[in-house]
Amino acid sequence: MPLSAVTALQALRDTGRVRAGQRVLVIGAAGGAGTFAVQLGKALGAHVTGVCSTTKTDLVRALGTDEVLDCTREDYADGSRRFDLVVDTAGNAPLARLRRALTRRGTLVLDGEEGGGRWFGGTDRVLRALLLSPFVGQRLCGLISAERGEDLESLKELIEAGGVTPVVDRAYRLSELPEAIRYLRESGARGKVVVTM
């Protein structure tokens, strides 16, 4: 909760400035932050489309998305749909592709970066977005989330009210930590993997 759910909340509410009725695309909708972003987007009144792989479409649909796109079969950036807010939790799509999914005045929130550059350690896409943003009509933002007590309190209330449910793929004992890490690397977990102490 303190990391993934807060990250999703801040991506949507604070950085993305989502409003009721807006169209939101969550890329990586079956991951740790993505499962929260889908549910929080719905709780904030948005029309939410989730992007995930074939084996995870049922999970993303069960989270309450209005639409699910299978990334192995459908292209969210083919021009047939436009979104007011795109939250990329997967971290590997080029900026030009992400911008094609936005409306003319849409907002892109980059949460996470896969890979790593020699000079920028994986932050080069966020830096390019920040440099490009002043010259285009779209807002292109990186996200640096911060743990804040008021966000945790808001999330606690949503969970207790049944509006948000944490998704736990598997739980491991602390003594099984190497196996848990191996599972994360090899499987593409659905939601979070938990280590109990």
C-alpha atoms as a PDB file:
ATOM      1  CA  MET A   1       0.000   0.000   0.000  1.00  0.00           C
ATOM      2  CA  PRO A   2       2.572   2.654   0.918  1.00  0.00           C
ATOM      3  CA  LEU A   3       4.305   2.326  -2.430  1.00  0.00           C
ATOM      4  CA  SER A   4       2.072   0.969  -5.209  1.00  0.00           C
ATOM      5  CA  ALA A   5      -1.283   2.374  -4.140  1.00  0.00           C
ATOM      6  CA  VAL A   6       0.146   5.779  -3.215  1.00  0.00           C
ATOM      7  CA  THR A   7       1.991   5.876  -6.539  1.00  0.00           C
ATOM      8  CA  ALA A   8      -1.227   5.120  -8.433  1.00  0.00           C
ATOM      9  CA  LEU A   9      -3.199   7.694  -6.452  1.00  0.00           C
ATOM     10  CA  GLN A  10      -0.641  10.422  -7.038  1.00  0.00           C
ATOM     11  CA  ALA A  11      -0.324   9.516 -10.735  1.00  0.00           C
ATOM     12  CA  LEU A  12      -4.068   9.901 -11.249  1.00  0.00           C
ATOM     13  CA  ARG A  13      -5.113  12.618  -8.836  1.00  0.00           C
ATOM     14  CA  ASP A  14      -2.075  14.839  -8.344  1.00  0.00           C
ATOM     15  CA  THR A  15       0.041  14.561 -11.498  1.00  0.00           C
ATOM     16  CA  GLY A  16      -2.680  13.417 -13.907  1.00  0.00           C
ATOM     17  CA  ARG A  17      -5.392  15.682 -12.452  1.00  0.00           C
ATOM     18  CA  VAL A  18      -8.070  13.213 -13.511  1.00  0.00           C
ATOM     19  CA  ARG A  19     -11.683  14.358 -13.406  1.00  0.00           C
ATOM     20  CA  ALA A  20     -14.934  12.418 -13.494  1.00  0.00           C
ATOM     21  CA  GLY A  21     -15.919  11.421 -17.013  1.00  0.00           C
ATOM     22  CA  GLN A  22     -12.420  11.577 -18.464  1.00  0.00           C
ATOM     23  CA  ARG A  23     -11.008   8.680 -20.461  1.00  0.00           C
ATOM     24  CA  VAL A  24      -8.002   7.080 -18.768  1.00  0.00           C
ATOM     25  CA  LEU A  25      -5.623   4.459 -20.175  1.00  0.00           C
ATOM     26  CA  VAL A  26      -3.580   2.400 -17.715  1.00  0.00           C
ATOM     27  CA  ILE A  27      -0.669   0.574 -19.346  1.00  0.00           C
ATOM     28  CA  GLY A  28       0.502  -2.308 -17.176  1.00  0.00           C
ATOM     29  CA  ALA A  29      -2.953  -2.615 -15.605  1.00  0.00           C
ATOM     30  CA  ALA A  30      -2.252  -6.031 -14.043  1.00  0.00           C
ATOM     31  CA  GLY A  31       0.902  -4.991 -12.206  1.00  0.00           C
ATOM     32  CA  GLY A  32       1.382  -3.671  -8.697  1.00  0.00           C
ATOM     33  CA  ALA A  33       0.662   0.019  -9.346  1.00  0.00           C
ATOM     34  CA  GLY A  34      -1.535  -0.751 -12.356  1.00  0.00           C
ATOM     35  CA  THR A  35      -4.122  -2.773 -10.403  1.00  0.00           C
ATOM     36  CA  PHE A  36      -4.493   0.152  -8.019  1.00  0.00           C
ATOM     37  CA  ALA A  37      -4.574   2.727 -10.852  1.00  0.00           C
ATOM     38  CA  VAL A  38      -7.483   0.919 -12.523  1.00  0.00           C
ATOM     39  CA  GLN A  39      -9.528   0.802  -9.330  1.00  0.00           C
ATOM     40  CA  LEU A  40      -8.670   4.349  -8.264  1.00  0.00           C
ATOM     41  CA  GLY A  41      -9.501   5.686 -11.713  1.00  0.00           C
ATOM     42  CA  LYS A  42     -12.957   4.137 -11.421  1.00  0.00           C
ATOM     43  CA  ALA A  43     -13.343   5.465  -7.864  1.00  0.00           C
ATOM     44  CA  LEU A  44     -12.531   8.962  -9.170  1.00  0.00           C
ATOM     45  CA  GLY A  45     -15.255   8.633 -11.809  1.00  0.00           C
ATOM     46  CA  ALA A  46     -13.143   8.076 -14.923  1.00  0.00           C
ATOM     47  CA  HIS A  47     -13.811   5.756 -17.860  1.00  0.00           C
ATOM     48  CA  VAL A  48     -10.857   3.362 -17.505  1.00  0.00           C
ATOM     49  CA  THR A  49      -9.224   1.196 -20.157  1.00  0.00           C
ATOM     50  CA  GLY A  50      -6.584  -1.270 -18.984  1.00  0.00           C
ATOM     51  CA  VAL A  51      -3.752  -2.670 -21.101  1.00  0.00           C
ATOM     52  CA  CYS A  52      -2.273  -6.058 -20.186  1.00  0.00           C
ATOM     53  CA  SER A  53      -1.198  -9.380 -21.684  1.00  0.00           C
ATOM     54  CA  THR A  54      -3.591 -12.182 -22.651  1.00  0.00           C
ATOM     55  CA  THR A  55      -3.207 -14.178 -19.438  1.00  0.00           C
ATOM     56  CA  LYS A  56      -4.159 -11.184 -17.312  1.00  0.00           C
ATOM     57  CA  THR A  57      -7.246  -9.842 -19.105  1.00  0.00           C
ATOM     58  CA  ASP A  58      -9.662 -11.610 -16.740  1.00  0.00           C
ATOM     59  CA  LEU A  59      -7.982 -10.047 -13.711  1.00  0.00           C
ATOM     60  CA  VAL A  60      -8.059  -6.543 -15.210  1.00  0.00           C
ATOM     61  CA  ARG A  61     -11.694  -6.969 -16.224  1.00  0.00           C
ATOM     62  CA  ALA A  62     -12.541  -8.104 -12.669  1.00  0.00           C
ATOM     63  CA  LEU A  63     -10.963  -4.909 -11.298  1.00  0.00           C
ATOM     64  CA  GLY A  64     -13.781  -2.944 -12.924  1.00  0.00           C
ATOM     65  CA  THR A  65     -12.268  -1.562 -16.108  1.00  0.00           C
ATOM     66  CA  ASP A  66     -14.665  -0.299 -18.738  1.00  0.00           C
ATOM     67  CA  GLU A  67     -12.491  -1.846 -21.422  1.00  0.00           C
ATOM     68  CA  VAL A  68      -9.500  -4.209 -21.533  1.00  0.00           C
ATOM     69  CA  LEU A  69      -6.953  -4.225 -24.346  1.00  0.00           C
ATOM     70  CA  ASP A  70      -4.750  -7.274 -24.839  1.00  0.00           C
ATOM     71  CA  CYS A  71      -1.335  -5.819 -25.696  1.00  0.00           C
ATOM     72  CA  THR A  72      -0.440  -8.920 -27.727  1.00  0.00           C
ATOM     73  CA  ARG A  73      -3.454  -8.438 -30.031  1.00  0.00           C
ATOM     74  CA  GLU A  74      -4.470  -4.770 -29.913  1.00  0.00           C
ATOM     75  CA  ASP A  75      -2.584  -1.514 -30.296  1.00  0.00           C
ATOM     76  CA  TYR A  76      -3.758   1.173 -27.901  1.00  0.00           C
ATOM     77  CA  ALA A  77      -1.953   3.794 -30.015  1.00  0.00           C
ATOM     78  CA  ASP A  78      -3.453   2.925 -33.417  1.00  0.00           C
ATOM     79  CA  GLY A  79      -5.454   6.166 -33.519  1.00  0.00           C
ATOM     80  CA  SER A  80      -8.873   4.561 -33.030  1.00  0.00           C
ATOM     81  CA  ARG A  81      -9.072   5.769 -29.414  1.00  0.00           C
ATOM     82  CA  ARG A  82      -7.801   8.854 -27.636  1.00  0.00           C
ATOM     83  CA  PHE A  83      -7.400   9.299 -23.902  1.00  0.00           C
ATOM     84  CA  ASP A  84      -7.385  12.355 -21.654  1.00  0.00           C
ATOM     85  CA  LEU A  85      -4.855  10.670 -19.370  1.00  0.00           C
ATOM     86  CA  VAL A  86      -2.384   7.882 -20.048  1.00  0.00           C
ATOM     87  CA  VAL A  87      -0.629   6.344 -17.043  1.00  0.00           C
ATOM     88  CA  ASP A  88       2.277   4.157 -18.140  1.00  0.00           C
ATOM     89  CA  THR A  89       3.323   1.804 -15.346  1.00  0.00           C
ATOM     90  CA  ALA A  90       5.015  -0.641 -17.736  1.00  0.00           C
ATOM     91  CA  GLY A  91       7.863   1.723 -18.569  1.00  0.00           C
ATOM     92  CA  ASN A  92       8.927   0.628 -22.029  1.00  0.00           C
ATOM     93  CA  ALA A  93       6.853   2.341 -24.742  1.00  0.00           C
ATOM     94  CA  PRO A  94       8.439   5.135 -26.789  1.00  0.00           C
ATOM     95  CA  LEU A  95       7.153   8.663 -26.142  1.00  0.00           C
ATOM     96  CA  ALA A  96       5.915   9.083 -29.719  1.00  0.00           C
ATOM     97  CA  ARG A  97       3.742   5.991 -29.383  1.00  0.00           C
ATOM     98  CA  LEU A  98       2.317   7.074 -26.037  1.00  0.00           C
ATOM     99  CA  ARG A  99       1.519  10.540 -27.391  1.00  0.00           C
ATOM    100  CA  ARG A 100      -0.514   8.977 -30.247  1.00  0.00           C
ATOM    101  CA  ALA A 101      -2.906   7.602 -27.608  1.00  0.00           C
ATOM    102  CA  LEU A 102      -3.503  11.051 -26.076  1.00  0.00           C
ATOM    103  CA  THR A 103      -6.032  13.706 -26.979  1.00  0.00           C
ATOM    104  CA  ARG A 104      -4.581  17.000 -28.223  1.00  0.00           C
ATOM    105  CA  ARG A 105      -4.563  18.374 -24.656  1.00  0.00           C
ATOM    106  CA  GLY A 106      -4.108  15.039 -22.886  1.00  0.00           C
ATOM    107  CA  THR A 107      -1.705  14.215 -20.072  1.00  0.00           C
ATOM    108  CA  LEU A 108       0.907  11.458 -19.987  1.00  0.00           C
ATOM    109  CA  VAL A 109       2.222  10.273 -16.624  1.00  0.00           C
ATOM    110  CA  LEU A 110       5.328   8.110 -16.767  1.00  0.00           C
ATOM    111  CA  ASP A 111       5.620   5.902 -13.704  1.00  0.00           C
ATOM    112  CA  GLY A 112       8.725   3.803 -13.852  1.00  0.00           C
ATOM    113  CA  GLU A 113      11.327   3.181 -16.459  1.00  0.00           C
ATOM    114  CA  GLU A 114      12.531  -0.161 -17.693  1.00  0.00           C
ATOM    115  CA  GLY A 115      16.037  -0.644 -18.809  1.00  0.00           C
ATOM    116  CA  GLY A 116      18.829   1.650 -17.936  1.00  0.00           C
ATOM    117  CA  GLY A 117      20.925   3.982 -19.895  1.00  0.00           C
ATOM    118  CA  ARG A 118      24.638   4.351 -19.488  1.00  0.00           C
ATOM    119  CA  TRP A 119      24.298   8.010 -18.538  1.00  0.00           C
ATOM    120  CA  PHE A 120      20.827   8.378 -17.090  1.00  0.00           C
ATOM    121  CA  GLY A 121      20.173   4.968 -15.539  1.00  0.00           C
ATOM    122  CA  GLY A 122      16.736   4.505 -17.078  1.00  0.00           C
ATOM    123  CA  THR A 123      15.432   8.042 -16.628  1.00  0.00           C
ATOM    124  CA  ASP A 124      16.124   9.190 -20.178  1.00  0.00           C
ATOM    125  CA  ARG A 125      12.485   8.774 -21.306  1.00  0.00           C
ATOM    126  CA  VAL A 126      11.236  10.943 -18.429  1.00  0.00           C
ATOM    127  CA  LEU A 127      13.883  13.575 -19.166  1.00  0.00           C
ATOM    128  CA  ARG A 128      12.914  13.631 -22.851  1.00  0.00           C
ATOM    129  CA  ALA A 129       9.231  13.974 -21.879  1.00  0.00           C
ATOM    130  CA  LEU A 130       9.959  16.914 -19.594  1.00  0.00           C
ATOM    131  CA  LEU A 131      12.036  18.640 -22.305  1.00  0.00           C
ATOM    132  CA  LEU A 132       9.374  18.079 -24.997  1.00  0.00           C
ATOM    133  CA  SER A 133       6.313  19.016 -22.920  1.00  0.00           C
ATOM    134  CA  PRO A 134       6.598  22.828 -23.205  1.00  0.00           C
ATOM    135  CA  PHE A 135       6.583  22.579 -27.007  1.00  0.00           C
ATOM    136  CA  VAL A 136       3.501  20.405 -27.530  1.00  0.00           C
ATOM    137  CA  GLY A 137      -0.126  20.777 -26.455  1.00  0.00           C
ATOM    138  CA  GLN A 138       0.055  17.663 -24.305  1.00  0.00           C
ATOM    139  CA  ARG A 139       1.329  17.531 -20.712  1.00  0.00           C
ATOM    140  CA  LEU A 140       4.159  14.984 -20.467  1.00  0.00           C
ATOM    141  CA  CYS A 141       5.083  14.248 -16.853  1.00  0.00           C
ATOM    142  CA  GLY A 142       7.331  11.985 -14.870  1.00  0.00           C
ATOM    143  CA  LEU A 143       6.157  10.820 -11.467  1.00  0.00           C
ATOM    144  CA  ILE A 144       8.120  10.831  -8.261  1.00  0.00           C
ATOM    145  CA  SER A 145       5.749   9.652  -5.582  1.00  0.00           C
ATOM    146  CA  ALA A 146       6.123  10.556  -1.934  1.00  0.00           C
ATOM    147  CA  GLU A 147       4.595   8.807   1.042  1.00  0.00           C
ATOM    148  CA  ARG A 148       2.114  11.140   2.688  1.00  0.00           C
ATOM    149  CA  GLY A 149      -0.117  10.342   5.638  1.00  0.00           C
ATOM    150  CA  GLU A 150      -3.206  11.904   4.050  1.00  0.00           C
ATOM    151  CA  ASP A 151      -2.846   9.657   0.986  1.00  0.00           C
ATOM    152  CA  LEU A 152      -2.580   6.548   3.153  1.00  0.00           C
ATOM    153  CA  GLU A 153      -5.669   7.673   5.072  1.00  0.00           C
ATOM    154  CA  SER A 154      -7.616   8.182   1.816  1.00  0.00           C
ATOM    155  CA  LEU A 155      -6.585   4.730   0.607  1.00  0.00           C
ATOM    156  CA  LYS A 156      -7.485   3.134   3.930  1.00  0.00           C
ATOM    157  CA  GLU A 157     -10.989   4.607   3.656  1.00  0.00           C
ATOM    158  CA  LEU A 158     -11.397   3.384   0.069  1.00  0.00           C
ATOM    159  CA  ILE A 159     -10.268  -0.122   1.012  1.00  0.00           C
ATOM    160  CA  GLU A 160     -12.535  -0.282   4.041  1.00  0.00           C
ATOM    161  CA  ALA A 161     -15.467   0.912   1.897  1.00  0.00           C
ATOM    162  CA  GLY A 162     -14.735  -1.805  -0.691  1.00  0.00           C
ATOM    163  CA  GLY A 163     -13.815   0.667  -3.437  1.00  0.00           C
ATOM    164  CA  VAL A 164     -10.249  -0.632  -3.748  1.00  0.00           C
ATOM    165  CA  THR A 165      -8.952  -4.155  -3.168  1.00  0.00           C
ATOM    166  CA  PRO A 166      -5.232  -4.989  -3.074  1.00  0.00           C
ATOM    167  CA  VAL A 167      -4.357  -7.757  -5.543  1.00  0.00           C
ATOM    168  CA  VAL A 168      -1.905 -10.306  -4.159  1.00  0.00           C
ATOM    169  CA  ASP A 169      -0.585 -12.873  -6.618  1.00  0.00           C
ATOM    170  CA  ARG A 170       1.435 -14.974  -4.176  1.00  0.00           C
ATOM    171  CA  ALA A 171       2.810 -14.856  -0.644  1.00  0.00           C
ATOM    172  CA  TYR A 172       6.219 -16.186   0.388  1.00  0.00           C
ATOM    173  CA  ARG A 173       7.895 -16.616   3.757  1.00  0.00           C
ATOM    174  CA  LEU A 174      11.049 -14.589   4.351  1.00  0.00           C
ATOM    175  CA  SER A 175      13.087 -17.784   4.068  1.00  0.00           C
ATOM    176  CA  GLU A 176      11.694 -18.159   0.501  1.00  0.00           C
ATOM    177  CA  LEU A 177      12.877 -14.724  -0.635  1.00  0.00           C
ATOM    178  CA  PRO A 178      15.126 -16.042  -3.466  1.00  0.00           C
ATOM    179  CA  GLU A 179      12.178 -18.010  -4.862  1.00  0.00           C
ATOM    180  CA  ALA A 180       9.937 -14.930  -4.627  1.00  0.00           C
ATOM    181  CA  ILE A 181      12.462 -12.835  -6.548  1.00  0.00           C
ATOM    182  CA  ARG A 182      12.816 -15.564  -9.169  1.00  0.00           C
ATOM    183  CA  TYR A 183       9.016 -15.697  -9.557  1.00  0.00           C
ATOM    184  CA  LEU A 184       8.839 -11.920 -10.012  1.00  0.00           C
ATOM    185  CA  ARG A 185      11.515 -11.943 -12.687  1.00  0.00           C
ATOM    186  CA  GLU A 186      10.181 -14.910 -14.641  1.00  0.00           C
ATOM    187  CA  SER A 187       6.408 -14.746 -14.366  1.00  0.00           C
ATOM    188  CA  GLY A 188       5.197 -11.177 -14.661  1.00  0.00           C
ATOM    189  CA  ALA A 189       3.170 -11.313 -11.459  1.00  0.00           C
ATOM    190  CA  ARG A 190      -0.486 -10.375 -11.336  1.00  0.00           C
ATOM    191  CA  GLY A 191      -0.661  -7.608  -8.739  1.00  0.00           C
ATOM    192  CA  LYS A 192       1.817  -7.862  -5.889  1.00  0.00           C
ATOM    193  CA  VAL A 193       4.028 -10.596  -4.497  1.00  0.00           C
ATOM    194  CA  VAL A 194       4.135 -10.476  -0.709  1.00  0.00           C
ATOM    195  CA  VAL A 195       6.884 -11.629   1.629  1.00  0.00           C
ATOM    196  CA  THR A 196       5.630 -12.373   5.150  1.00  0.00           C
ATOM    197  CA  MET A 197       7.891 -12.051   8.172  1.00  0.00           C
END
